[in-house]
């Protein structure tokens, strides 16, 4: 799906008053000035940042600079949504930007915007991948932090998010738990659409986001929005995800371990990996944990576990090579996705 985007829409208009940012040199001369951003309110208080740019020499601006999340603006959320970049930008423009500033584009300008014939400066493409639980999503991120890399080098982490090429001027990838994100105050689902299934669907999803900056878009021969077709969106995402080197393995959690008290969990994990626990803990602790694990779960840690079940260990890359999670049918039935969104990766168009 399309997440954030930055575009220059062709629109001859009186400059929108938003104030200016001015740089003044040590000699007191103005070095440069730039219009400040102004906010347009989208669906459920989501924001579109705009400013007037360019000029025709007669006091009119020639373009409208826009930076926003079209999926969130139109749907109220960005848990799942459309890959149709042009449709998302066009609908956001006519539904929110035009009426709030009483803009009156010409027929030609409307045609250019509707057809995607305008510069694209940045785009975020993301998909969600399903794991057995949110704990497995967190485990994946922790494992990938130490066992993966790209040409940018090893990833960095901040606030539970894994970044590849975070400061790159060309492209970057990031991974995080979508369940964790919408559990925080900043990422909560709007009350209008809360508690009808979105939170539950996102709970066990690994979100992977690709950001392409203008330099990379130019290199890819995507100067305009119309050059970013739906098929191209998906192909680009797969191409850049394949650049992540993650041949190592990750151990998924299991239901038994998730239901254990914290004091027993590490003992159970070590036993399941095949370690001799008598050499790793005191006699008293070993005796107590043996008794509690046997009485509560029927696990005898005196018997060496051969290894973790093979089904519980998977290569990191296998998760990202899997088909992204499909948007559930109920999301269409409840009107939670933009009308340009195809389900099951384009098997059926929903109008």
C-alpha atoms as a PDB file:
ATOM      1  CA  UNK A   1       0.000   0.000   0.000  1.00  0.00           C
ATOM      2  CA  UNK A   2       0.988   3.649  -0.428  1.00  0.00           C
ATOM      3  CA  UNK A   3       1.846   5.417   2.793  1.00  0.00           C
ATOM      4  CA  UNK A   4       3.503   8.841   2.792  1.00  0.00           C
ATOM      5  CA  UNK A   5       3.972  10.812  -0.418  1.00  0.00           C
ATOM      6  CA  UNK A   6       5.464  14.136  -1.501  1.00  0.00           C
ATOM      7  CA  UNK A   7       4.346  15.697  -4.796  1.00  0.00           C
ATOM      8  CA  UNK A   8       4.192  18.978  -6.721  1.00  0.00           C
ATOM      9  CA  UNK A   9       0.687  19.418  -8.135  1.00  0.00           C
ATOM     10  CA  UNK A  10       0.311  21.712 -11.184  1.00  0.00           C
ATOM     11  CA  UNK A  11      -1.964  24.530 -10.040  1.00  0.00           C
ATOM     12  CA  UNK A  12      -1.874  28.225 -10.940  1.00  0.00           C
ATOM     13  CA  UNK A  13      -3.179  30.019  -7.868  1.00  0.00           C
ATOM     14  CA  UNK A  14      -2.765  32.976  -5.572  1.00  0.00           C
ATOM     15  CA  UNK A  15      -0.071  31.971  -3.054  1.00  0.00           C
ATOM     16  CA  UNK A  16      -1.596  30.556   0.098  1.00  0.00           C
ATOM     17  CA  UNK A  17      -0.620  32.730   3.040  1.00  0.00           C
ATOM     18  CA  UNK A  18       1.310  30.625   5.497  1.00  0.00           C
ATOM     19  CA  UNK A  19       4.164  32.860   6.638  1.00  0.00           C
ATOM     20  CA  UNK A  20       7.807  32.447   5.675  1.00  0.00           C
ATOM     21  CA  UNK A  21      11.039  31.011   6.981  1.00  0.00           C
ATOM     22  CA  UNK A  22      13.840  33.531   6.418  1.00  0.00           C
ATOM     23  CA  UNK A  23      17.619  33.083   6.575  1.00  0.00           C
ATOM     24  CA  UNK A  24      19.578  36.236   7.425  1.00  0.00           C
ATOM     25  CA  UNK A  25      23.354  36.361   6.993  1.00  0.00           C
ATOM     26  CA  UNK A  26      25.848  37.860   9.457  1.00  0.00           C
ATOM     27  CA  UNK A  27      25.768  41.116   7.485  1.00  0.00           C
ATOM     28  CA  UNK A  28      22.024  41.418   8.019  1.00  0.00           C
ATOM     29  CA  UNK A  29      21.117  40.611   4.424  1.00  0.00           C
ATOM     30  CA  UNK A  30      18.366  38.129   3.621  1.00  0.00           C
ATOM     31  CA  UNK A  31      20.002  35.021   2.122  1.00  0.00           C
ATOM     32  CA  UNK A  32      16.831  33.156   1.275  1.00  0.00           C
ATOM     33  CA  UNK A  33      13.209  32.809   2.272  1.00  0.00           C
ATOM     34  CA  UNK A  34      10.756  29.935   1.899  1.00  0.00           C
ATOM     35  CA  UNK A  35       6.991  29.633   2.524  1.00  0.00           C
ATOM     36  CA  UNK A  36       6.048  27.843   5.745  1.00  0.00           C
ATOM     37  CA  UNK A  37       3.904  24.753   5.632  1.00  0.00           C
ATOM     38  CA  UNK A  38       0.195  24.998   6.302  1.00  0.00           C
ATOM     39  CA  UNK A  39      -2.015  22.110   7.364  1.00  0.00           C
ATOM     40  CA  UNK A  40      -5.123  20.748   5.696  1.00  0.00           C
ATOM     41  CA  UNK A  41      -7.357  18.507   7.827  1.00  0.00           C
ATOM     42  CA  UNK A  42      -8.165  15.136   6.296  1.00  0.00           C
ATOM     43  CA  UNK A  43     -10.258  12.222   7.511  1.00  0.00           C
ATOM     44  CA  UNK A  44     -10.318  11.720  11.292  1.00  0.00           C
ATOM     45  CA  UNK A  45      -7.993  14.673  11.927  1.00  0.00           C
ATOM     46  CA  UNK A  46      -5.184  13.345   9.712  1.00  0.00           C
ATOM     47  CA  UNK A  47      -3.028  16.100   8.220  1.00  0.00           C
ATOM     48  CA  UNK A  48      -1.900  17.240   4.776  1.00  0.00           C
ATOM     49  CA  UNK A  49       1.032  19.663   4.712  1.00  0.00           C
ATOM     50  CA  UNK A  50       1.015  22.057   1.767  1.00  0.00           C
ATOM     51  CA  UNK A  51       2.681  25.251   0.534  1.00  0.00           C
ATOM     52  CA  UNK A  52       2.587  27.340  -2.622  1.00  0.00           C
ATOM     53  CA  UNK A  53       5.746  27.155  -4.747  1.00  0.00           C
ATOM     54  CA  UNK A  54       6.927  28.479  -8.105  1.00  0.00           C
ATOM     55  CA  UNK A  55       5.821  31.667  -9.791  1.00  0.00           C
ATOM     56  CA  UNK A  56       4.682  32.995 -13.155  1.00  0.00           C
ATOM     57  CA  UNK A  57       6.175  36.471 -12.747  1.00  0.00           C
ATOM     58  CA  UNK A  58       2.744  37.983 -12.151  1.00  0.00           C
ATOM     59  CA  UNK A  59       2.311  37.144  -8.483  1.00  0.00           C
ATOM     60  CA  UNK A  60       0.788  33.710  -8.992  1.00  0.00           C
ATOM     61  CA  UNK A  61       2.175  30.407  -7.662  1.00  0.00           C
ATOM     62  CA  UNK A  62       2.418  27.629 -10.245  1.00  0.00           C
ATOM     63  CA  UNK A  63       2.550  24.503  -8.060  1.00  0.00           C
ATOM     64  CA  UNK A  64       1.169  23.171  -4.805  1.00  0.00           C
ATOM     65  CA  UNK A  65       3.741  21.274  -2.744  1.00  0.00           C
ATOM     66  CA  UNK A  66       2.050  18.485  -0.734  1.00  0.00           C
ATOM     67  CA  UNK A  67       3.412  16.074   1.866  1.00  0.00           C
ATOM     68  CA  UNK A  68       0.994  13.642   3.532  1.00  0.00           C
ATOM     69  CA  UNK A  69      -0.236  10.103   4.025  1.00  0.00           C
ATOM     70  CA  UNK A  70      -3.022   9.681   1.442  1.00  0.00           C
ATOM     71  CA  UNK A  71      -4.189   6.343   2.846  1.00  0.00           C
ATOM     72  CA  UNK A  72      -4.665   7.813   6.305  1.00  0.00           C
ATOM     73  CA  UNK A  73      -6.232  10.996   4.941  1.00  0.00           C
ATOM     74  CA  UNK A  74      -8.867   9.053   2.994  1.00  0.00           C
ATOM     75  CA  UNK A  75      -9.426   6.003   5.216  1.00  0.00           C
ATOM     76  CA  UNK A  76      -8.675   7.329   8.689  1.00  0.00           C
ATOM     77  CA  UNK A  77      -6.026   4.615   9.126  1.00  0.00           C
ATOM     78  CA  UNK A  78      -3.035   3.131   7.278  1.00  0.00           C
ATOM     79  CA  UNK A  79      -3.173  -0.457   8.508  1.00  0.00           C
ATOM     80  CA  UNK A  80      -4.025  -1.647   4.985  1.00  0.00           C
ATOM     81  CA  UNK A  81      -4.969   0.139   1.787  1.00  0.00           C
ATOM     82  CA  UNK A  82      -4.426   0.866  -1.888  1.00  0.00           C
ATOM     83  CA  UNK A  83      -1.371   0.679  -4.177  1.00  0.00           C
ATOM     84  CA  UNK A  84      -2.934   3.174  -6.601  1.00  0.00           C
ATOM     85  CA  UNK A  85      -0.734   6.228  -6.046  1.00  0.00           C
ATOM     86  CA  UNK A  86      -2.434   8.472  -8.613  1.00  0.00           C
ATOM     87  CA  UNK A  87      -5.972   7.721  -7.404  1.00  0.00           C
ATOM     88  CA  UNK A  88      -5.053   8.351  -3.768  1.00  0.00           C
ATOM     89  CA  UNK A  89      -3.451  11.728  -4.506  1.00  0.00           C
ATOM     90  CA  UNK A  90      -6.297  12.827  -6.787  1.00  0.00           C
ATOM     91  CA  UNK A  91      -9.040  11.889  -4.327  1.00  0.00           C
ATOM     92  CA  UNK A  92      -7.205  13.565  -1.433  1.00  0.00           C
ATOM     93  CA  UNK A  93      -6.877  16.733  -3.509  1.00  0.00           C
ATOM     94  CA  UNK A  94     -10.517  17.014  -4.573  1.00  0.00           C
ATOM     95  CA  UNK A  95     -11.976  15.870  -1.248  1.00  0.00           C
ATOM     96  CA  UNK A  96      -9.885  17.864   1.224  1.00  0.00           C
ATOM     97  CA  UNK A  97      -7.387  20.323  -0.292  1.00  0.00           C
ATOM     98  CA  UNK A  98      -9.619  21.996  -2.896  1.00  0.00           C
ATOM     99  CA  UNK A  99     -12.616  22.764  -0.656  1.00  0.00           C
ATOM    100  CA  UNK A 100     -10.609  23.920   2.376  1.00  0.00           C
ATOM    101  CA  UNK A 101      -8.741  26.550   0.344  1.00  0.00           C
ATOM    102  CA  UNK A 102     -11.401  27.209  -2.301  1.00  0.00           C
ATOM    103  CA  UNK A 103      -8.966  26.284  -5.071  1.00  0.00           C
ATOM    104  CA  UNK A 104     -10.293  26.315  -8.618  1.00  0.00           C
ATOM    105  CA  UNK A 105      -8.043  24.358 -10.962  1.00  0.00           C
ATOM    106  CA  UNK A 106      -8.625  24.548 -14.691  1.00  0.00           C
ATOM    107  CA  UNK A 107      -9.900  21.580 -16.686  1.00  0.00           C
ATOM    108  CA  UNK A 108      -6.359  21.030 -17.964  1.00  0.00           C
ATOM    109  CA  UNK A 109      -4.901  21.090 -14.423  1.00  0.00           C
ATOM    110  CA  UNK A 110      -7.535  18.634 -13.210  1.00  0.00           C
ATOM    111  CA  UNK A 111      -6.669  16.320 -16.093  1.00  0.00           C
ATOM    112  CA  UNK A 112      -2.954  16.476 -15.230  1.00  0.00           C
ATOM    113  CA  UNK A 113      -3.629  15.693 -11.557  1.00  0.00           C
ATOM    114  CA  UNK A 114      -6.095  12.916 -12.332  1.00  0.00           C
ATOM    115  CA  UNK A 115      -3.687  11.296 -14.810  1.00  0.00           C
ATOM    116  CA  UNK A 116      -0.630  11.628 -12.548  1.00  0.00           C
ATOM    117  CA  UNK A 117       1.236  14.002 -14.842  1.00  0.00           C
ATOM    118  CA  UNK A 118       3.147  15.825 -12.103  1.00  0.00           C
ATOM    119  CA  UNK A 119       6.494  15.395 -10.263  1.00  0.00           C
ATOM    120  CA  UNK A 120       6.824  12.871  -7.458  1.00  0.00           C
ATOM    121  CA  UNK A 121       9.517  13.628  -4.879  1.00  0.00           C
ATOM    122  CA  UNK A 122       9.097  10.865  -2.291  1.00  0.00           C
ATOM    123  CA  UNK A 123       6.961   7.813  -1.641  1.00  0.00           C
ATOM    124  CA  UNK A 124       6.586   5.206   1.105  1.00  0.00           C
ATOM    125  CA  UNK A 125       5.466   1.708   0.065  1.00  0.00           C
ATOM    126  CA  UNK A 126       4.605  -0.803   2.756  1.00  0.00           C
ATOM    127  CA  UNK A 127       3.101  -4.226   3.314  1.00  0.00           C
ATOM    128  CA  UNK A 128       2.353  -6.335   6.376  1.00  0.00           C
ATOM    129  CA  UNK A 129       3.504  -9.903   6.973  1.00  0.00           C
ATOM    130  CA  UNK A 130       1.706 -12.274   9.298  1.00  0.00           C
ATOM    131  CA  UNK A 131       3.516 -14.129  12.082  1.00  0.00           C
ATOM    132  CA  UNK A 132       1.974 -16.418  14.710  1.00  0.00           C
ATOM    133  CA  UNK A 133       1.931 -13.723  17.407  1.00  0.00           C
ATOM    134  CA  UNK A 134       3.062 -10.220  18.295  1.00  0.00           C
ATOM    135  CA  UNK A 135       5.811 -11.802  20.355  1.00  0.00           C
ATOM    136  CA  UNK A 136       7.121 -13.422  17.166  1.00  0.00           C
ATOM    137  CA  UNK A 137       7.102 -10.057  15.406  1.00  0.00           C
ATOM    138  CA  UNK A 138       9.240  -8.618  18.189  1.00  0.00           C
ATOM    139  CA  UNK A 139      11.513 -11.684  18.086  1.00  0.00           C
ATOM    140  CA  UNK A 140      11.929 -11.257  14.322  1.00  0.00           C
ATOM    141  CA  UNK A 141      12.954  -7.612  14.738  1.00  0.00           C
ATOM    142  CA  UNK A 142      15.455  -8.473  17.483  1.00  0.00           C
ATOM    143  CA  UNK A 143      16.965 -11.270  15.386  1.00  0.00           C
ATOM    144  CA  UNK A 144      17.124  -9.126  12.241  1.00  0.00           C
ATOM    145  CA  UNK A 145      18.961  -6.409  14.155  1.00  0.00           C
ATOM    146  CA  UNK A 146      21.960  -8.709  14.608  1.00  0.00           C
ATOM    147  CA  UNK A 147      21.576 -11.156  11.741  1.00  0.00           C
ATOM    148  CA  UNK A 148      20.803  -8.999   8.703  1.00  0.00           C
ATOM    149  CA  UNK A 149      22.329  -6.224   6.612  1.00  0.00           C
ATOM    150  CA  UNK A 150      22.007  -4.332   3.337  1.00  0.00           C
ATOM    151  CA  UNK A 151      24.473  -2.308   1.300  1.00  0.00           C
ATOM    152  CA  UNK A 152      23.813   0.416   3.889  1.00  0.00           C
ATOM    153  CA  UNK A 153      25.400  -1.914   6.460  1.00  0.00           C
ATOM    154  CA  UNK A 154      23.911  -3.195   9.697  1.00  0.00           C
ATOM    155  CA  UNK A 155      20.514  -1.797  10.710  1.00  0.00           C
ATOM    156  CA  UNK A 156      19.907   0.562  13.603  1.00  0.00           C
ATOM    157  CA  UNK A 157      17.020   0.525  16.055  1.00  0.00           C
ATOM    158  CA  UNK A 158      14.963   3.153  17.806  1.00  0.00           C
ATOM    159  CA  UNK A 159      11.796   2.646  19.811  1.00  0.00           C
ATOM    160  CA  UNK A 160      11.318  -0.919  18.588  1.00  0.00           C
ATOM    161  CA  UNK A 161      11.729   0.030  14.908  1.00  0.00           C
ATOM    162  CA  UNK A 162      14.515  -1.430  12.759  1.00  0.00           C
ATOM    163  CA  UNK A 163      16.048   0.928  10.167  1.00  0.00           C
ATOM    164  CA  UNK A 164      18.154   0.148   7.103  1.00  0.00           C
ATOM    165  CA  UNK A 165      19.705   3.279   5.593  1.00  0.00           C
ATOM    166  CA  UNK A 166      17.781   5.615   7.880  1.00  0.00           C
ATOM    167  CA  UNK A 167      19.727   8.728   6.809  1.00  0.00           C
ATOM    168  CA  UNK A 168      20.133   7.791   3.143  1.00  0.00           C
ATOM    169  CA  UNK A 169      19.135  10.388   0.561  1.00  0.00           C
ATOM    170  CA  UNK A 170      18.146   7.626  -1.880  1.00  0.00           C
ATOM    171  CA  UNK A 171      16.244   4.769  -0.242  1.00  0.00           C
ATOM    172  CA  UNK A 172      15.584   3.239   3.149  1.00  0.00           C
ATOM    173  CA  UNK A 173      13.723   0.322   4.721  1.00  0.00           C
ATOM    174  CA  UNK A 174      12.232  -0.040   8.154  1.00  0.00           C
ATOM    175  CA  UNK A 175      10.436  -2.777  10.068  1.00  0.00           C
ATOM    176  CA  UNK A 176       8.252  -2.612  13.142  1.00  0.00           C
ATOM    177  CA  UNK A 177       5.330  -4.214  14.908  1.00  0.00           C
ATOM    178  CA  UNK A 178       2.094  -2.738  13.596  1.00  0.00           C
ATOM    179  CA  UNK A 179       0.333  -4.062  16.683  1.00  0.00           C
ATOM    180  CA  UNK A 180       2.709  -2.154  18.928  1.00  0.00           C
ATOM    181  CA  UNK A 181       2.380   1.015  16.858  1.00  0.00           C
ATOM    182  CA  UNK A 182      -1.408   1.260  17.061  1.00  0.00           C
ATOM    183  CA  UNK A 183      -1.324   0.388  20.761  1.00  0.00           C
ATOM    184  CA  UNK A 184       0.515   3.656  21.448  1.00  0.00           C
ATOM    185  CA  UNK A 185      -1.383   6.911  21.885  1.00  0.00           C
ATOM    186  CA  UNK A 186       0.151   8.482  18.745  1.00  0.00           C
ATOM    187  CA  UNK A 187      -0.822   5.581  16.487  1.00  0.00           C
ATOM    188  CA  UNK A 188      -4.248   4.709  17.891  1.00  0.00           C
ATOM    189  CA  UNK A 189      -7.096   3.962  15.543  1.00  0.00           C
ATOM    190  CA  UNK A 190      -9.675   6.819  15.436  1.00  0.00           C
ATOM    191  CA  UNK A 191     -12.695   6.217  17.673  1.00  0.00           C
ATOM    192  CA  UNK A 192     -15.029   6.154  14.636  1.00  0.00           C
ATOM    193  CA  UNK A 193     -13.444   2.917  13.396  1.00  0.00           C
ATOM    194  CA  UNK A 194     -11.957   1.562  16.628  1.00  0.00           C
ATOM    195  CA  UNK A 195     -12.755  -1.888  18.017  1.00  0.00           C
ATOM    196  CA  UNK A 196     -14.331  -3.286  14.864  1.00  0.00           C
ATOM    197  CA  UNK A 197     -11.453  -5.579  13.905  1.00  0.00           C
ATOM    198  CA  UNK A 198      -8.516  -3.424  12.756  1.00  0.00           C
ATOM    199  CA  UNK A 199      -6.572  -3.711  16.013  1.00  0.00           C
ATOM    200  CA  UNK A 200      -7.032  -7.477  16.157  1.00  0.00           C
ATOM    201  CA  UNK A 201      -5.919  -7.889  12.519  1.00  0.00           C
ATOM    202  CA  UNK A 202      -2.785  -5.777  13.084  1.00  0.00           C
ATOM    203  CA  UNK A 203      -1.804  -7.516  16.328  1.00  0.00           C
ATOM    204  CA  UNK A 204       0.522 -10.129  14.776  1.00  0.00           C
ATOM    205  CA  UNK A 205       1.678  -8.164  11.715  1.00  0.00           C
ATOM    206  CA  UNK A 206       5.252  -7.260  10.849  1.00  0.00           C
ATOM    207  CA  UNK A 207       5.148  -3.990   8.901  1.00  0.00           C
ATOM    208  CA  UNK A 208       7.888  -3.444   6.326  1.00  0.00           C
ATOM    209  CA  UNK A 209       8.209   0.006   4.745  1.00  0.00           C
ATOM    210  CA  UNK A 210      10.256   1.101   1.746  1.00  0.00           C
ATOM    211  CA  UNK A 211      10.974   4.815   1.294  1.00  0.00           C
ATOM    212  CA  UNK A 212      12.167   6.075  -2.092  1.00  0.00           C
ATOM    213  CA  UNK A 213      13.554   9.618  -2.268  1.00  0.00           C
ATOM    214  CA  UNK A 214      13.707  11.822  -5.356  1.00  0.00           C
ATOM    215  CA  UNK A 215      17.276  10.821  -6.277  1.00  0.00           C
ATOM    216  CA  UNK A 216      16.333   7.145  -6.296  1.00  0.00           C
ATOM    217  CA  UNK A 217      13.069   7.773  -8.131  1.00  0.00           C
ATOM    218  CA  UNK A 218      15.022   9.640 -10.820  1.00  0.00           C
ATOM    219  CA  UNK A 219      17.473   6.747 -11.094  1.00  0.00           C
ATOM    220  CA  UNK A 220      14.519   4.359 -11.464  1.00  0.00           C
ATOM    221  CA  UNK A 221      13.042   6.556 -14.211  1.00  0.00           C
ATOM    222  CA  UNK A 222      10.002   7.483 -12.118  1.00  0.00           C
ATOM    223  CA  UNK A 223       9.959  11.272 -12.454  1.00  0.00           C
ATOM    224  CA  UNK A 224       6.167  11.558 -12.376  1.00  0.00           C
ATOM    225  CA  UNK A 225       3.327   9.955 -10.451  1.00  0.00           C
ATOM    226  CA  UNK A 226       1.949   8.295 -13.598  1.00  0.00           C
ATOM    227  CA  UNK A 227       5.204   6.325 -13.881  1.00  0.00           C
ATOM    228  CA  UNK A 228       4.470   4.586 -10.561  1.00  0.00           C
ATOM    229  CA  UNK A 229       1.860   2.057 -11.648  1.00  0.00           C
ATOM    230  CA  UNK A 230       0.236  -0.425  -9.288  1.00  0.00           C
ATOM    231  CA  UNK A 231       2.353  -3.266 -10.669  1.00  0.00           C
ATOM    232  CA  UNK A 232       5.490  -1.134 -10.350  1.00  0.00           C
ATOM    233  CA  UNK A 233       4.704  -0.423  -6.693  1.00  0.00           C
ATOM    234  CA  UNK A 234       4.671  -4.115  -5.810  1.00  0.00           C
ATOM    235  CA  UNK A 235       7.703  -4.945  -7.969  1.00  0.00           C
ATOM    236  CA  UNK A 236       9.792  -2.174  -6.411  1.00  0.00           C
ATOM    237  CA  UNK A 237       8.924  -3.285  -2.903  1.00  0.00           C
ATOM    238  CA  UNK A 238       9.995  -6.857  -3.625  1.00  0.00           C
ATOM    239  CA  UNK A 239      13.181  -5.708  -5.345  1.00  0.00           C
ATOM    240  CA  UNK A 240      14.405  -3.660  -2.386  1.00  0.00           C
ATOM    241  CA  UNK A 241      13.361  -6.185   0.258  1.00  0.00           C
ATOM    242  CA  UNK A 242      15.482  -8.771  -1.581  1.00  0.00           C
ATOM    243  CA  UNK A 243      18.474  -6.532  -0.920  1.00  0.00           C
ATOM    244  CA  UNK A 244      18.312  -7.469   2.744  1.00  0.00           C
ATOM    245  CA  UNK A 245      20.783 -10.226   3.520  1.00  0.00           C
ATOM    246  CA  UNK A 246      19.179 -12.368   6.209  1.00  0.00           C
ATOM    247  CA  UNK A 247      20.139 -15.993   5.788  1.00  0.00           C
ATOM    248  CA  UNK A 248      20.185 -16.653   9.532  1.00  0.00           C
ATOM    249  CA  UNK A 249      17.378 -18.413  11.374  1.00  0.00           C
ATOM    250  CA  UNK A 250      14.858 -17.204  13.918  1.00  0.00           C
ATOM    251  CA  UNK A 251      13.067 -19.223  16.563  1.00  0.00           C
ATOM    252  CA  UNK A 252       9.363 -18.575  16.719  1.00  0.00           C
ATOM    253  CA  UNK A 253       7.637 -18.622  20.075  1.00  0.00           C
ATOM    254  CA  UNK A 254       5.218 -21.389  20.970  1.00  0.00           C
ATOM    255  CA  UNK A 255       1.985 -21.331  22.903  1.00  0.00           C
ATOM    256  CA  UNK A 256       3.409 -23.296  25.833  1.00  0.00           C
ATOM    257  CA  UNK A 257       6.177 -20.776  26.424  1.00  0.00           C
ATOM    258  CA  UNK A 258       3.870 -17.777  26.039  1.00  0.00           C
ATOM    259  CA  UNK A 259       1.634 -19.058  28.855  1.00  0.00           C
ATOM    260  CA  UNK A 260       4.501 -19.683  31.275  1.00  0.00           C
ATOM    261  CA  UNK A 261       5.466 -17.439  34.180  1.00  0.00           C
ATOM    262  CA  UNK A 262       8.586 -15.406  33.431  1.00  0.00           C
ATOM    263  CA  UNK A 263      10.617 -17.311  36.027  1.00  0.00           C
ATOM    264  CA  UNK A 264      10.132 -20.589  34.115  1.00  0.00           C
ATOM    265  CA  UNK A 265      10.328 -19.288  30.555  1.00  0.00           C
ATOM    266  CA  UNK A 266      14.113 -19.054  30.298  1.00  0.00           C
ATOM    267  CA  UNK A 267      14.556 -22.491  31.864  1.00  0.00           C
ATOM    268  CA  UNK A 268      12.092 -23.994  29.398  1.00  0.00           C
ATOM    269  CA  UNK A 269      13.810 -22.259  26.452  1.00  0.00           C
ATOM    270  CA  UNK A 270      17.264 -23.535  27.465  1.00  0.00           C
ATOM    271  CA  UNK A 271      15.904 -27.060  27.935  1.00  0.00           C
ATOM    272  CA  UNK A 272      14.179 -26.992  24.577  1.00  0.00           C
ATOM    273  CA  UNK A 273      17.438 -25.945  22.909  1.00  0.00           C
ATOM    274  CA  UNK A 274      19.047 -29.086  24.289  1.00  0.00           C
ATOM    275  CA  UNK A 275      21.177 -27.658  27.117  1.00  0.00           C
ATOM    276  CA  UNK A 276      22.055 -29.666  30.220  1.00  0.00           C
ATOM    277  CA  UNK A 277      20.378 -27.555  32.881  1.00  0.00           C
ATOM    278  CA  UNK A 278      22.220 -29.201  35.771  1.00  0.00           C
ATOM    279  CA  UNK A 279      25.358 -27.385  34.635  1.00  0.00           C
ATOM    280  CA  UNK A 280      23.609 -24.047  34.170  1.00  0.00           C
ATOM    281  CA  UNK A 281      21.786 -23.508  37.469  1.00  0.00           C
ATOM    282  CA  UNK A 282      22.015 -24.274  41.133  1.00  0.00           C
ATOM    283  CA  UNK A 283      20.748 -27.590  42.460  1.00  0.00           C
ATOM    284  CA  UNK A 284      17.964 -25.832  44.389  1.00  0.00           C
ATOM    285  CA  UNK A 285      16.739 -23.833  41.375  1.00  0.00           C
ATOM    286  CA  UNK A 286      16.921 -26.890  39.129  1.00  0.00           C
ATOM    287  CA  UNK A 287      14.864 -28.938  41.595  1.00  0.00           C
ATOM    288  CA  UNK A 288      12.246 -26.215  42.019  1.00  0.00           C
ATOM    289  CA  UNK A 289      11.865 -25.542  38.283  1.00  0.00           C
ATOM    290  CA  UNK A 290      11.755 -29.259  37.497  1.00  0.00           C
ATOM    291  CA  UNK A 291       8.883 -29.704  39.915  1.00  0.00           C
ATOM    292  CA  UNK A 292       6.911 -26.661  38.683  1.00  0.00           C
ATOM    293  CA  UNK A 293       7.373 -27.468  34.990  1.00  0.00           C
ATOM    294  CA  UNK A 294       6.383 -31.086  35.481  1.00  0.00           C
ATOM    295  CA  UNK A 295       3.332 -30.367  37.653  1.00  0.00           C
ATOM    296  CA  UNK A 296       1.992 -27.538  35.472  1.00  0.00           C
ATOM    297  CA  UNK A 297       3.035 -28.614  31.944  1.00  0.00           C
ATOM    298  CA  UNK A 298       4.127 -32.256  32.156  1.00  0.00           C
ATOM    299  CA  UNK A 299       7.673 -31.310  31.112  1.00  0.00           C
ATOM    300  CA  UNK A 300      10.510 -33.296  32.651  1.00  0.00           C
ATOM    301  CA  UNK A 301      13.706 -31.259  32.298  1.00  0.00           C
ATOM    302  CA  UNK A 302      15.749 -34.220  33.550  1.00  0.00           C
ATOM    303  CA  UNK A 303      15.183 -35.731  30.114  1.00  0.00           C
ATOM    304  CA  UNK A 304      17.340 -33.960  27.531  1.00  0.00           C
ATOM    305  CA  UNK A 305      15.368 -32.367  24.724  1.00  0.00           C
ATOM    306  CA  UNK A 306      16.976 -33.306  21.432  1.00  0.00           C
ATOM    307  CA  UNK A 307      16.382 -29.912  19.804  1.00  0.00           C
ATOM    308  CA  UNK A 308      13.779 -27.320  19.060  1.00  0.00           C
ATOM    309  CA  UNK A 309      11.057 -28.612  16.812  1.00  0.00           C
ATOM    310  CA  UNK A 310      12.004 -27.941  13.207  1.00  0.00           C
ATOM    311  CA  UNK A 311       8.650 -26.281  12.565  1.00  0.00           C
ATOM    312  CA  UNK A 312       9.549 -23.670  15.145  1.00  0.00           C
ATOM    313  CA  UNK A 313      12.718 -22.505  13.389  1.00  0.00           C
ATOM    314  CA  UNK A 314      12.588 -20.610  10.097  1.00  0.00           C
ATOM    315  CA  UNK A 315      15.071 -18.583   8.060  1.00  0.00           C
ATOM    316  CA  UNK A 316      14.501 -14.856   8.510  1.00  0.00           C
ATOM    317  CA  UNK A 317      14.163 -14.291   4.779  1.00  0.00           C
ATOM    318  CA  UNK A 318      11.384 -16.879   4.454  1.00  0.00           C
ATOM    319  CA  UNK A 319       9.046 -14.535   6.304  1.00  0.00           C
ATOM    320  CA  UNK A 320       9.732 -11.681   3.890  1.00  0.00           C
ATOM    321  CA  UNK A 321       9.508 -13.943   0.854  1.00  0.00           C
ATOM    322  CA  UNK A 322       6.011 -14.942   1.891  1.00  0.00           C
ATOM    323  CA  UNK A 323       2.982 -13.249   0.360  1.00  0.00           C
ATOM    324  CA  UNK A 324       2.007 -10.159   2.368  1.00  0.00           C
ATOM    325  CA  UNK A 325      -1.097 -10.506   4.508  1.00  0.00           C
ATOM    326  CA  UNK A 326      -4.317 -10.045   2.559  1.00  0.00           C
ATOM    327  CA  UNK A 327      -6.793  -7.358   3.481  1.00  0.00           C
ATOM    328  CA  UNK A 328      -9.715  -9.154   5.160  1.00  0.00           C
ATOM    329  CA  UNK A 329     -13.106  -9.241   3.469  1.00  0.00           C
ATOM    330  CA  UNK A 330     -14.789  -7.487   6.370  1.00  0.00           C
ATOM    331  CA  UNK A 331     -12.599  -4.410   5.756  1.00  0.00           C
ATOM    332  CA  UNK A 332     -14.331  -3.936   2.398  1.00  0.00           C
ATOM    333  CA  UNK A 333     -17.755  -4.646   3.834  1.00  0.00           C
ATOM    334  CA  UNK A 334     -17.251  -1.977   6.513  1.00  0.00           C
ATOM    335  CA  UNK A 335     -15.855   0.604   4.088  1.00  0.00           C
ATOM    336  CA  UNK A 336     -12.407   0.700   5.699  1.00  0.00           C
ATOM    337  CA  UNK A 337     -10.390   0.802   2.469  1.00  0.00           C
ATOM    338  CA  UNK A 338     -10.222   3.244  -0.430  1.00  0.00           C
ATOM    339  CA  UNK A 339     -12.291   2.234  -3.455  1.00  0.00           C
ATOM    340  CA  UNK A 340      -9.146   1.762  -5.591  1.00  0.00           C
ATOM    341  CA  UNK A 341      -7.934  -1.051  -3.334  1.00  0.00           C
ATOM    342  CA  UNK A 342      -7.960  -4.536  -4.927  1.00  0.00           C
ATOM    343  CA  UNK A 343      -8.206  -7.457  -2.532  1.00  0.00           C
ATOM    344  CA  UNK A 344      -5.990 -10.532  -2.628  1.00  0.00           C
ATOM    345  CA  UNK A 345      -3.350  -8.607  -4.573  1.00  0.00           C
ATOM    346  CA  UNK A 346      -5.588  -7.702  -7.499  1.00  0.00           C
ATOM    347  CA  UNK A 347      -7.731 -10.780  -7.905  1.00  0.00           C
ATOM    348  CA  UNK A 348     -10.911  -8.746  -7.501  1.00  0.00           C
ATOM    349  CA  UNK A 349     -11.458  -5.006  -7.861  1.00  0.00           C
ATOM    350  CA  UNK A 350     -13.773  -3.334  -5.428  1.00  0.00           C
ATOM    351  CA  UNK A 351     -15.597  -0.231  -6.632  1.00  0.00           C
END
